[in-house]
C-alpha cells in the first residue's frame, strides 16, 4: 500500500463496510460485504485482507492503495458459530468454529485441509475447539477446548507425505488447564 501503510488502520462495522484510515483520520471506503464484519485479518507480506462476516462469509481482498482493491474470492466457511482465526504462515489461515477440527485454508494454492483431535491423545469424544493461536517461533498451533484442554499441533518440516499437508502437523497429548471452556488464546 505504499509509504502510508505504516500509519494506516483498517476498520469495519456491523453493516459490512471496510475502511482504510490514516493518521489524520482521513478515511477511504475499501469495499462492502453483505453482512456485518466480525473479523479482519491482514497479511502484511501479501497486502491481503481477509474479512469474515456474521454469517460466516470469508472475503479475500488485495489492497494496492486506498482506491485500488481487488476481491479475489468470497466463500462460505464451515463451522457452527463464534469462529476464531489466526495466520499460521504466509498464506495459511487457520480457523475453528465449535467442532473438534482446525480448518486450514492455503490461500496461495486454493486448497484446504483439517487437523483433528483424537481420543488416543487424551481428548474426549465430541470435545470442541473454541479458540486458536499460533507461535511462529516454535511452529506450534495451540487451541483451547470446551473441556479446558489446550490442544497443540507441532509443525514437522520433513513429515509431508505426497502433497498431504496435514501429515506435517503432529497432534500432542492433551494438556488440561482448567475445568471450564478456553475461549481466547493469544
Protein backbone atom coordinates (compact mmCIF):
# COMPACT_ATOMS: atom_id res chain seq x y z
CA UNK A 1 0.00 0.00 0.00
CA UNK A 2 2.97 2.29 -0.15
CA UNK A 3 4.57 4.57 2.40
CA UNK A 4 1.33 5.46 4.15
CA UNK A 5 0.82 1.80 5.10
CA UNK A 6 2.74 2.10 8.37
CA UNK A 7 0.42 4.87 9.53
CA UNK A 8 -2.85 3.29 8.41
CA UNK A 9 -5.58 1.38 10.16
CA UNK A 10 -8.30 -0.88 8.89
CA UNK A 11 -11.74 -0.80 10.44
CA UNK A 12 -15.09 -2.34 9.82
CA UNK A 13 -18.61 -2.04 11.08
CA UNK A 14 -21.73 -4.03 11.68
CA UNK A 15 -23.11 -3.01 8.27
CA UNK A 16 -20.32 -4.74 6.26
CA UNK A 17 -18.23 -1.72 5.24
CA UNK A 18 -14.43 -1.85 5.46
CA UNK A 19 -12.38 1.37 5.62
CA UNK A 20 -8.74 2.41 5.49
CA UNK A 21 -7.95 5.24 7.95
CA UNK A 22 -4.71 7.26 8.06
CA UNK A 23 -3.06 9.11 10.97
CA UNK A 24 -5.00 12.30 10.09
CA UNK A 25 -8.31 10.44 10.43
CA UNK A 26 -8.90 10.65 6.69
CA UNK A 27 -10.69 7.52 5.59
CA UNK A 28 -11.48 5.65 2.40
CA UNK A 29 -14.15 3.02 1.95
CA UNK A 30 -12.39 -0.03 0.51
CA UNK A 31 -15.32 -2.38 -0.04
CA UNK A 32 -18.69 -3.57 1.22
CA UNK A 33 -19.78 -7.07 2.25
CA UNK A 34 -23.38 -8.24 2.63
CA UNK A 35 -23.36 -8.64 6.43
CA UNK A 36 -21.59 -7.14 9.42
CA UNK A 37 -17.86 -7.80 9.70
CA UNK A 38 -16.84 -9.78 12.80
CA UNK A 39 -13.14 -10.28 11.99
CA UNK A 40 -10.43 -8.60 9.91
CA UNK A 41 -7.11 -10.38 9.32
CA UNK A 42 -4.40 -8.50 7.44
CA UNK A 43 -1.38 -10.23 5.87
CA UNK A 44 1.40 -7.61 5.54
CA UNK A 45 3.56 -9.78 3.25
CA UNK A 46 0.87 -10.01 0.61
CA UNK A 47 -1.12 -6.80 1.31
CA UNK A 48 -4.05 -9.17 1.70
CA UNK A 49 -7.09 -8.57 3.88
CA UNK A 50 -9.43 -11.36 4.94
CA UNK A 51 -12.88 -10.29 6.17
CA UNK A 52 -15.33 -12.57 7.94
CA UNK A 53 -18.99 -11.65 8.25
CA UNK A 54 -21.58 -12.52 10.88
CA UNK A 55 -22.98 -15.22 8.58
CA UNK A 56 -19.52 -16.87 8.14
CA UNK A 57 -18.70 -15.49 4.70
CA UNK A 58 -14.96 -15.03 4.09
CA UNK A 59 -13.83 -12.37 1.65
CA UNK A 60 -10.24 -12.25 0.40
CA UNK A 61 -9.01 -8.88 -0.88
CA UNK A 62 -5.74 -7.49 -2.20
CA UNK A 63 -5.24 -3.85 -1.21
CA UNK A 64 -2.97 -1.97 -3.61
CA UNK A 65 -3.91 1.55 -2.47
CA UNK A 66 -6.79 3.41 -0.88
CA UNK A 67 -8.51 3.42 -4.27
CA UNK A 68 -7.46 0.05 -5.68
CA UNK A 69 -8.87 -3.07 -4.01
CA UNK A 70 -9.44 -6.41 -5.71
CA UNK A 71 -11.77 -9.14 -4.43
CA UNK A 72 -10.01 -12.47 -5.04
CA UNK A 73 -12.75 -14.69 -3.62
CA UNK A 74 -15.74 -14.88 -1.30
CA UNK A 75 -16.69 -18.24 0.21
CA UNK A 76 -18.94 -19.66 2.93
CA UNK A 77 -16.92 -21.07 5.84
CA UNK A 78 -17.76 -24.33 7.57
CA UNK A 79 -18.23 -24.23 11.31
CA UNK A 80 -21.00 -23.55 13.73
CA UNK A 81 -20.53 -20.07 15.15
CA UNK A 82 -18.13 -17.80 17.02
CA UNK A 83 -15.29 -18.56 14.63
CA UNK A 84 -11.73 -17.79 15.72
CA UNK A 85 -8.83 -17.27 13.29
CA UNK A 86 -5.08 -16.92 13.04
CA UNK A 87 -2.40 -16.85 10.36
CA UNK A 88 -0.11 -19.90 10.66
CA UNK A 89 2.24 -18.91 7.89
CA UNK A 90 2.50 -16.63 4.92
CA UNK A 91 -0.57 -17.91 3.12
CA UNK A 92 -2.13 -20.31 5.64
CA UNK A 93 -5.23 -19.22 7.54
CA UNK A 94 -6.43 -21.49 10.37
CA UNK A 95 -9.86 -21.26 11.93
CA UNK A 96 -12.05 -23.06 14.44
CA UNK A 97 -15.78 -22.97 14.95
CA UNK A 98 -17.15 -25.20 17.69
CA UNK A 99 -16.08 -28.53 16.18
CA UNK A 100 -13.26 -30.95 17.03
CA UNK A 101 -11.44 -29.72 13.94
CA UNK A 102 -9.00 -27.00 12.97
CA UNK A 103 -9.63 -25.97 9.36
CA UNK A 104 -6.70 -24.59 7.40
CA UNK A 105 -7.03 -22.65 4.15
CA UNK A 106 -3.98 -22.49 1.90
CA UNK A 107 -4.69 -19.17 0.22
CA UNK A 108 -1.86 -19.49 -2.31
CA UNK A 109 -2.78 -22.98 -3.55
CA UNK A 110 -6.56 -22.52 -3.14
CA UNK A 111 -6.66 -25.74 -1.08
CA UNK A 112 -7.70 -26.64 2.43
CA UNK A 113 -7.14 -29.36 4.99
CA UNK A 114 -8.11 -30.20 8.56
CA UNK A 115 -6.41 -31.14 11.81
CA UNK A 116 -8.47 -33.21 14.24
CA UNK A 117 -8.48 -34.02 17.93
CA UNK A 118 -8.01 -37.69 18.83
CA UNK A 119 -9.20 -39.70 21.84
CA UNK A 120 -5.88 -41.61 21.59
CA UNK A 121 -4.12 -38.37 22.58
CA UNK A 122 -6.30 -37.76 25.65
CA UNK A 123 -9.12 -35.70 24.15
CA UNK A 124 -12.73 -36.53 24.92
CA UNK A 125 -15.06 -37.64 22.15
CA UNK A 126 -17.06 -34.63 20.88
CA UNK A 127 -14.68 -32.16 22.58
CA UNK A 128 -14.89 -28.92 20.61
CA UNK A 129 -12.29 -26.28 19.79
CA UNK A 130 -13.24 -22.69 20.62
CA UNK A 131 -10.07 -20.62 20.19
CA UNK A 132 -6.79 -20.76 18.30
CA UNK A 133 -3.38 -19.10 18.11
CA UNK A 134 -0.01 -19.80 16.53
CA UNK A 135 3.61 -19.47 17.62
CA UNK A 136 5.78 -18.94 14.54
CA UNK A 137 8.93 -19.19 16.66
CA UNK A 138 8.01 -22.71 17.84
CA UNK A 139 5.92 -23.83 14.85
CA UNK A 140 3.02 -24.74 17.14
CA UNK A 141 -0.72 -24.25 16.75
CA UNK A 142 -2.45 -24.04 20.14
CA UNK A 143 -6.21 -24.35 20.52
CA UNK A 144 -8.50 -24.05 23.55
CA UNK A 145 -11.34 -26.52 24.00
CA UNK A 146 -14.73 -26.56 25.72
CA UNK A 147 -13.34 -29.12 28.22
CA UNK A 148 -10.47 -26.94 29.43
CA UNK A 149 -7.75 -28.59 27.38
CA UNK A 150 -5.06 -26.95 25.30
CA UNK A 151 -4.58 -28.86 22.06
CA UNK A 152 -1.27 -28.36 20.30
CA UNK A 153 -0.02 -29.36 16.87
CA UNK A 154 3.71 -29.14 16.13
CA UNK A 155 4.84 -28.49 12.57
CA UNK A 156 7.18 -31.27 11.44
CA UNK A 157 9.04 -29.92 8.39
CA UNK A 158 10.00 -33.29 6.89
CA UNK A 159 6.74 -35.16 7.51
CA UNK A 160 4.74 -34.05 4.46
CA UNK A 161 3.58 -37.09 2.51
CA UNK A 162 2.60 -36.91 -1.16
CA UNK A 163 1.02 -33.49 -1.02
CA UNK A 164 -0.87 -34.18 2.22
CA UNK A 165 -0.12 -31.06 4.29
CA UNK A 166 -1.97 -32.34 7.37
CA UNK A 167 0.74 -35.00 7.76
CA UNK A 168 3.18 -32.18 8.59
CA UNK A 169 1.30 -31.36 11.82
CA UNK A 170 1.70 -33.68 14.79
CA UNK A 171 -1.00 -33.58 17.49
CA UNK A 172 0.45 -33.55 21.01
CA UNK A 173 -1.16 -35.07 24.12
CA UNK A 174 -3.99 -33.10 25.74
CA UNK A 175 -2.87 -30.52 28.29
CA UNK A 176 -5.59 -29.92 30.88
CA UNK A 177 -5.61 -26.31 32.04
CA UNK A 178 -8.90 -25.65 33.79
CA UNK A 179 -12.37 -27.11 34.28
CA UNK A 180 -14.05 -24.56 32.02
CA UNK A 181 -14.01 -23.61 28.36
CA UNK A 182 -10.94 -21.83 26.98
CA UNK A 183 -12.49 -19.19 24.77
CA UNK A 184 -9.50 -16.97 23.97
CA UNK A 185 -5.81 -17.61 23.29
CA UNK A 186 -3.09 -15.18 22.17
